C-alpha cells in the first residue's frame, strides 16, 4: 500500500546550511528503525547518526534552534540529493502538540513518510518497548486502557489530519508496515522514487529487521529497582563510573512476550475504539486498503 506522490523535491536552499528534504514522522513501533537503516545506505541519501533528533518536539530539542538542527546535516555532501531524519514523536498528538505547524514553518516543502502498522499490534509492541525500558510495570490489560497514549498513537487519521492543516496530501508517502516486511525491495523503490533518488539501489542490509520485539531485553535488575525509587537513582548517579559500567554488564533477561498477549475481550474493545479512525483513514489511502479488518 503506497500513496501516489507529486514530483520529487529539488535541492534545498543553502541558507543556514542544508536542512532536511524529508522526514519519517512515525508511527512509533511500526518499522521506522528498519526504514532508517535501509535509507541510510543509499549513496544519495543523508541521515544523521542519531535516528531521532526530535527537533520539532518541544519537550526535546526545539529550544536549540534551527542552526543547531542544520548542524546535524553538516556532513551531507553535494551528491546527497535527499536529506532526512526519523523522529516518531512527530506523530504523538495530543501528548505532543504543534509539531506540524513547526515543521511547516521551518520546512515548508518537506516530504513526509508515515509508516502505518496494525493499530493494536503497534500498541502491543509499544507496551513491550515500555516494559523493556523499565517504564511500564502494569499488566497489558490495564496499561492499554489507563494510558491513552497507546491508543492515540495508533489513531493514524487523527495524527495525519493534524498535518493536513499545513500540508497537502501529495506531500505524504503512507506505507503499510506489512509491505515493508513482505515486499521490502518493491516498497523501498517506491520510497526512493518519492525522494527523487536512484530507485535501483539495493540496500546491503535489505535482509535485516532492526529492533524487533522478540529480541528486546529488560534492564538489569538494579536499574529496574532504581527507576522505582528516584532518591536511590539520584544516589546511584554519584557512584564511580567503573561501578556504573559494571552494572550495565549485568544479565538482561528477555522480555516475556507471553505476558503481553492481548485477551480477546480487550482486543474487541480496542477495535471498537479505533473503528471510526480507521474508517477516516480510508479516505487518504488507495482503494483496496483492508483496514486491518477493523473498519
Protein backbone atom coordinates (compact mmCIF):
# COMPACT_ATOMS: atom_id res chain seq x y z
CA UNK A 1 0.00 0.00 0.00
CA UNK A 2 1.68 3.21 -1.18
CA UNK A 3 0.08 6.56 -1.84
CA UNK A 4 0.84 8.43 -5.02
CA UNK A 5 3.09 11.43 -4.71
CA UNK A 6 3.95 14.61 -6.53
CA UNK A 7 7.21 15.08 -8.40
CA UNK A 8 10.43 14.68 -6.35
CA UNK A 9 11.68 17.66 -4.34
CA UNK A 10 14.51 19.86 -5.56
CA UNK A 11 17.69 20.71 -3.71
CA UNK A 12 17.16 22.73 -0.51
CA UNK A 13 18.23 26.36 -0.34
CA UNK A 14 21.71 26.85 1.15
CA UNK A 15 20.52 29.31 3.82
CA UNK A 16 21.59 28.37 7.38
CA UNK A 17 23.16 25.22 5.97
CA UNK A 18 21.26 22.38 4.41
CA UNK A 19 18.04 21.27 6.05
CA UNK A 20 16.03 18.07 5.57
CA UNK A 21 14.06 17.45 2.40
CA UNK A 22 12.13 14.60 4.06
CA UNK A 23 11.04 13.38 7.48
CA UNK A 24 9.95 9.94 8.66
CA UNK A 25 7.29 11.03 11.17
CA UNK A 26 6.24 7.65 12.58
CA UNK A 27 4.48 5.69 13.66
CA UNK A 28 6.30 4.51 16.75
CA UNK A 29 6.87 0.72 16.67
CA UNK A 30 5.82 0.46 13.01
CA UNK A 31 9.19 -0.30 11.42
CA UNK A 32 10.73 3.16 11.29
CA UNK A 33 14.07 1.96 12.70
CA UNK A 34 14.44 -0.58 9.91
CA UNK A 35 13.42 2.01 7.32
CA UNK A 36 16.01 4.44 8.73
CA UNK A 37 18.77 1.85 8.35
CA UNK A 38 17.71 0.94 4.79
CA UNK A 39 17.60 4.60 3.73
CA UNK A 40 20.97 5.46 5.29
CA UNK A 41 22.74 3.01 2.98
CA UNK A 42 21.64 4.88 -0.16
CA UNK A 43 24.53 6.89 -1.66
CA UNK A 44 22.19 9.79 -2.48
CA UNK A 45 20.53 9.99 0.95
CA UNK A 46 22.00 11.55 4.08
CA UNK A 47 20.56 10.88 7.54
CA UNK A 48 22.27 11.79 10.83
CA UNK A 49 23.84 9.11 13.00
CA UNK A 50 21.22 9.90 15.65
CA UNK A 51 18.00 8.38 14.34
CA UNK A 52 15.57 10.55 16.32
CA UNK A 53 16.71 14.18 16.71
CA UNK A 54 13.16 15.10 17.85
CA UNK A 55 13.86 18.72 16.92
CA UNK A 56 10.21 19.66 16.35
CA UNK A 57 9.17 18.11 19.67
CA UNK A 58 9.06 20.95 22.24
CA UNK A 59 9.87 18.52 25.05
CA UNK A 60 13.27 17.83 23.50
CA UNK A 61 15.30 19.98 21.08
CA UNK A 62 13.07 22.72 19.64
CA UNK A 63 14.66 25.24 22.03
CA UNK A 64 18.08 24.63 20.42
CA UNK A 65 17.09 26.49 17.27
CA UNK A 66 17.33 25.91 13.53
CA UNK A 67 21.09 26.44 13.37
CA UNK A 68 21.57 23.51 15.76
CA UNK A 69 19.24 21.40 13.63
CA UNK A 70 21.09 22.29 10.42
CA UNK A 71 24.30 21.22 12.12
CA UNK A 72 23.02 17.64 12.24
CA UNK A 73 23.21 17.62 8.42
CA UNK A 74 26.60 19.31 8.11
CA UNK A 75 28.10 16.03 6.91
CA UNK A 76 25.92 15.95 3.80
CA UNK A 77 27.89 16.10 0.55
CA UNK A 78 26.80 17.52 -2.82
CA UNK A 79 25.88 14.04 -4.08
CA UNK A 80 23.30 13.68 -1.30
CA UNK A 81 20.09 14.58 -3.11
CA UNK A 82 17.80 13.85 -0.14
CA UNK A 83 18.43 14.72 3.50
CA UNK A 84 16.19 13.37 6.22
CA UNK A 85 15.63 12.20 9.75
CA UNK A 86 13.20 9.89 11.54
CA UNK A 87 11.51 11.00 14.78
CA UNK A 88 8.40 9.11 15.81
CA UNK A 89 7.46 11.70 18.43
CA UNK A 90 6.22 13.82 15.50
CA UNK A 91 3.00 11.74 15.48
CA UNK A 92 2.16 11.63 19.18
CA UNK A 93 -0.67 14.16 19.34
CA UNK A 94 -2.16 15.18 21.77
CA UNK A 95 0.75 14.31 24.09
CA UNK A 96 2.97 16.37 21.77
CA UNK A 97 1.22 19.38 20.24
CA UNK A 98 2.12 21.82 17.48
CA UNK A 99 4.62 19.65 15.62
CA UNK A 100 3.09 20.03 12.11
CA UNK A 101 2.99 23.82 12.46
CA UNK A 102 6.65 23.93 13.49
CA UNK A 103 7.64 21.69 10.58
CA UNK A 104 5.66 23.83 8.11
CA UNK A 105 7.38 26.96 9.41
CA UNK A 106 10.92 25.59 9.02
CA UNK A 107 10.48 23.07 6.16
CA UNK A 108 7.51 24.21 4.04
CA UNK A 109 8.44 21.95 1.10
CA UNK A 110 9.36 18.85 3.10
CA UNK A 111 8.32 15.31 2.12
CA UNK A 112 6.70 13.26 4.88
CA UNK A 113 6.84 9.47 5.24
CA UNK A 114 4.36 7.84 7.63
CA UNK A 115 4.60 4.10 8.29
CA UNK A 116 1.35 2.50 9.46
CA UNK A 117 1.06 -0.80 11.32
CA UNK A 118 -1.98 -2.77 12.51
CA UNK A 119 -3.07 -0.39 15.29
CA UNK A 120 -3.44 -3.00 18.02
CA UNK A 121 -0.23 -4.82 17.15
CA UNK A 122 1.51 -1.46 17.27
CA UNK A 123 0.07 -0.90 20.75
CA UNK A 124 1.36 -4.28 21.91
CA UNK A 125 4.84 -3.56 20.56
CA UNK A 126 4.74 -0.11 22.19
CA UNK A 127 3.85 -1.78 25.51
CA UNK A 128 6.74 -4.25 25.18
CA UNK A 129 9.11 -1.37 24.46
CA UNK A 130 7.94 0.47 27.58
CA UNK A 131 8.38 -2.71 29.64
CA UNK A 132 11.88 -3.25 28.25
CA UNK A 133 12.84 0.30 29.26
CA UNK A 134 11.58 -0.23 32.79
CA UNK A 135 8.87 2.41 32.27
CA UNK A 136 5.86 0.08 32.36
CA UNK A 137 5.01 -2.40 35.11
CA UNK A 138 1.24 -2.70 34.75
CA UNK A 139 -0.24 -5.78 33.08
CA UNK A 140 -1.15 -5.08 29.47
CA UNK A 141 -4.89 -5.22 30.20
CA UNK A 142 -4.55 -2.20 32.49
CA UNK A 143 -1.84 -0.30 30.63
CA UNK A 144 -3.62 -0.11 27.28
CA UNK A 145 -6.81 1.16 28.90
CA UNK A 146 -5.34 3.51 31.50
CA UNK A 147 -2.72 5.25 29.34
CA UNK A 148 -4.44 6.89 26.37
CA UNK A 149 -1.14 7.48 24.56
CA UNK A 150 -1.06 3.83 23.48
CA UNK A 151 -4.37 4.30 21.68
CA UNK A 152 -3.81 7.84 20.42
CA UNK A 153 -0.56 6.98 18.63
CA UNK A 154 -2.49 4.22 16.81
CA UNK A 155 -5.13 6.70 15.66
CA UNK A 156 -3.43 7.33 12.35
CA UNK A 157 -6.19 9.50 10.86
CA UNK A 158 -6.09 11.69 13.98
CA UNK A 159 -2.35 12.17 13.56
CA UNK A 160 -2.45 12.66 9.79
CA UNK A 161 -5.23 15.23 9.91
CA UNK A 162 -3.12 17.48 12.16
CA UNK A 163 -0.60 17.61 9.29
CA UNK A 164 -3.20 18.14 6.58
CA UNK A 165 -3.95 21.51 8.16
CA UNK A 166 -0.47 22.56 6.93
CA UNK A 167 0.49 20.21 4.06
CA UNK A 168 -1.27 18.80 1.01
CA UNK A 169 -1.77 15.05 0.92
CA UNK A 170 0.63 14.72 -2.02
CA UNK A 171 3.47 15.67 0.34
CA UNK A 172 2.97 12.31 2.09
CA UNK A 173 4.03 8.76 1.42
CA UNK A 174 1.89 6.44 3.54
CA UNK A 175 3.41 2.98 3.91
CA UNK A 176 1.86 -0.19 5.28
CA UNK A 177 4.39 -1.93 7.54
CA UNK A 178 3.25 -5.23 6.02
CA UNK A 179 4.62 -4.09 2.68
CA UNK A 180 7.91 -3.10 4.28
CA UNK A 181 8.12 -6.61 5.77
CA UNK A 182 6.78 -8.71 2.89
CA UNK A 183 7.52 -6.67 -0.24
CA UNK A 184 10.57 -4.84 1.01
CA UNK A 185 12.53 -4.11 -2.15
CA UNK A 186 9.45 -3.02 -4.12
CA UNK A 187 8.36 -0.80 -1.22
CA UNK A 188 11.80 0.76 -0.85
CA UNK A 189 11.87 1.54 -4.55
CA UNK A 190 8.62 3.46 -4.09
CA UNK A 191 10.27 5.36 -1.22
CA UNK A 192 13.32 6.12 -3.37
CA UNK A 193 11.07 7.43 -6.17
CA UNK A 194 9.25 9.62 -3.67
CA UNK A 195 12.56 11.07 -2.51
CA UNK A 196 13.90 11.58 -6.03
CA UNK A 197 16.91 9.27 -5.70
CA UNK A 198 18.11 6.28 -7.72
CA UNK A 199 15.42 3.65 -7.20
CA UNK A 200 17.62 0.79 -8.45
CA UNK A 201 19.70 0.86 -5.25
CA UNK A 202 19.50 -2.34 -3.19
CA UNK A 203 20.40 -1.76 0.48
CA UNK A 204 23.14 -4.15 1.66
CA UNK A 205 21.14 -4.67 4.88
CA UNK A 206 17.93 -5.49 2.99
CA UNK A 207 17.50 -8.87 4.69
CA UNK A 208 17.68 -7.45 8.22
CA UNK A 209 14.93 -6.22 10.51
CA UNK A 210 16.03 -3.90 13.30
CA UNK A 211 14.83 -3.51 16.89
CA UNK A 212 12.39 -6.44 16.87
CA UNK A 213 10.24 -7.07 19.98
CA UNK A 214 11.34 -10.71 20.14
CA UNK A 215 14.94 -9.55 20.67
CA UNK A 216 14.14 -6.98 23.33
CA UNK A 217 15.67 -7.35 26.79
CA UNK A 218 14.82 -5.92 30.20
CA UNK A 219 17.20 -3.55 32.00
CA UNK A 220 19.40 -5.24 34.64
CA UNK A 221 17.59 -5.78 37.95
CA UNK A 222 19.41 -2.94 39.81
CA UNK A 223 18.33 -0.50 37.09
CA UNK A 224 14.71 -1.59 37.37
CA UNK A 225 14.78 -1.15 41.13
CA UNK A 226 16.39 2.27 40.91
CA UNK A 227 13.75 3.51 38.48
CA UNK A 228 11.12 2.74 41.11
CA UNK A 229 12.96 4.81 43.74
CA UNK A 230 14.02 8.26 42.44
CA UNK A 231 16.04 9.04 45.59
CA UNK A 232 18.13 5.91 45.14
CA UNK A 233 18.53 6.66 41.44
CA UNK A 234 19.98 10.08 42.29
CA UNK A 235 22.45 8.45 44.68
CA UNK A 236 23.40 5.87 42.07
CA UNK A 237 24.39 8.62 39.64
CA UNK A 238 27.07 9.66 42.14
CA UNK A 239 28.71 6.23 42.03
CA UNK A 240 32.09 5.88 40.25
CA UNK A 241 31.83 5.37 36.51
CA UNK A 242 33.51 1.96 36.83
CA UNK A 243 30.68 0.68 39.06
CA UNK A 244 28.03 2.08 36.72
CA UNK A 245 29.68 0.32 33.77
CA UNK A 246 29.78 -2.93 35.75
CA UNK A 247 26.05 -2.62 36.49
CA UNK A 248 25.31 -2.21 32.79
CA UNK A 249 27.03 -5.55 32.12
CA UNK A 250 24.73 -7.47 34.46
CA UNK A 251 22.38 -10.06 32.87
CA UNK A 252 19.46 -8.63 30.93
CA UNK A 253 16.55 -11.09 30.74
CA UNK A 254 14.41 -11.22 27.62
CA UNK A 255 11.03 -9.52 27.74
CA UNK A 256 8.24 -12.04 28.40
CA UNK A 257 6.24 -11.90 25.17
CA UNK A 258 3.59 -14.28 26.52
CA UNK A 259 2.79 -11.80 29.31
CA UNK A 260 1.91 -9.22 26.66
CA UNK A 261 -0.75 -11.22 24.85
CA UNK A 262 -3.93 -9.19 24.33
CA UNK A 263 -7.07 -11.02 25.54
CA UNK A 264 -9.88 -11.24 23.00
CA UNK A 265 -12.27 -9.11 25.04
CA UNK A 266 -9.65 -6.33 25.26
CA UNK A 267 -8.91 -6.65 21.54
CA UNK A 268 -12.60 -6.21 20.70
CA UNK A 269 -12.82 -3.18 22.97
CA UNK A 270 -9.78 -1.59 21.33
CA UNK A 271 -11.15 -2.31 17.87
CA UNK A 272 -14.37 -0.53 18.81
CA UNK A 273 -12.32 2.47 19.96
CA UNK A 274 -10.35 2.51 16.69
CA UNK A 275 -13.10 1.78 14.19
CA UNK A 276 -14.09 5.35 13.41
CA UNK A 277 -10.45 6.45 13.00
CA UNK A 278 -9.70 3.57 10.60
CA UNK A 279 -12.80 4.50 8.58
CA UNK A 280 -11.49 8.08 8.26
CA UNK A 281 -8.05 6.79 7.32
CA UNK A 282 -9.55 5.08 4.25
CA UNK A 283 -10.10 8.50 2.68
CA UNK A 284 -6.35 9.00 2.43
CA UNK A 285 -5.31 5.54 1.23
CA UNK A 286 -5.67 3.78 -2.12
CA UNK A 287 -8.81 1.82 -2.86
CA UNK A 288 -8.43 -1.75 -1.63
CA UNK A 289 -6.99 -0.90 1.78
CA UNK A 290 -8.35 -3.60 4.10
CA UNK A 291 -8.43 -1.53 7.30
CA UNK A 292 -6.69 -4.41 9.11
CA UNK A 293 -10.15 -5.92 9.48
CA UNK A 294 -11.16 -3.15 11.87
CA UNK A 295 -13.08 -0.63 9.84
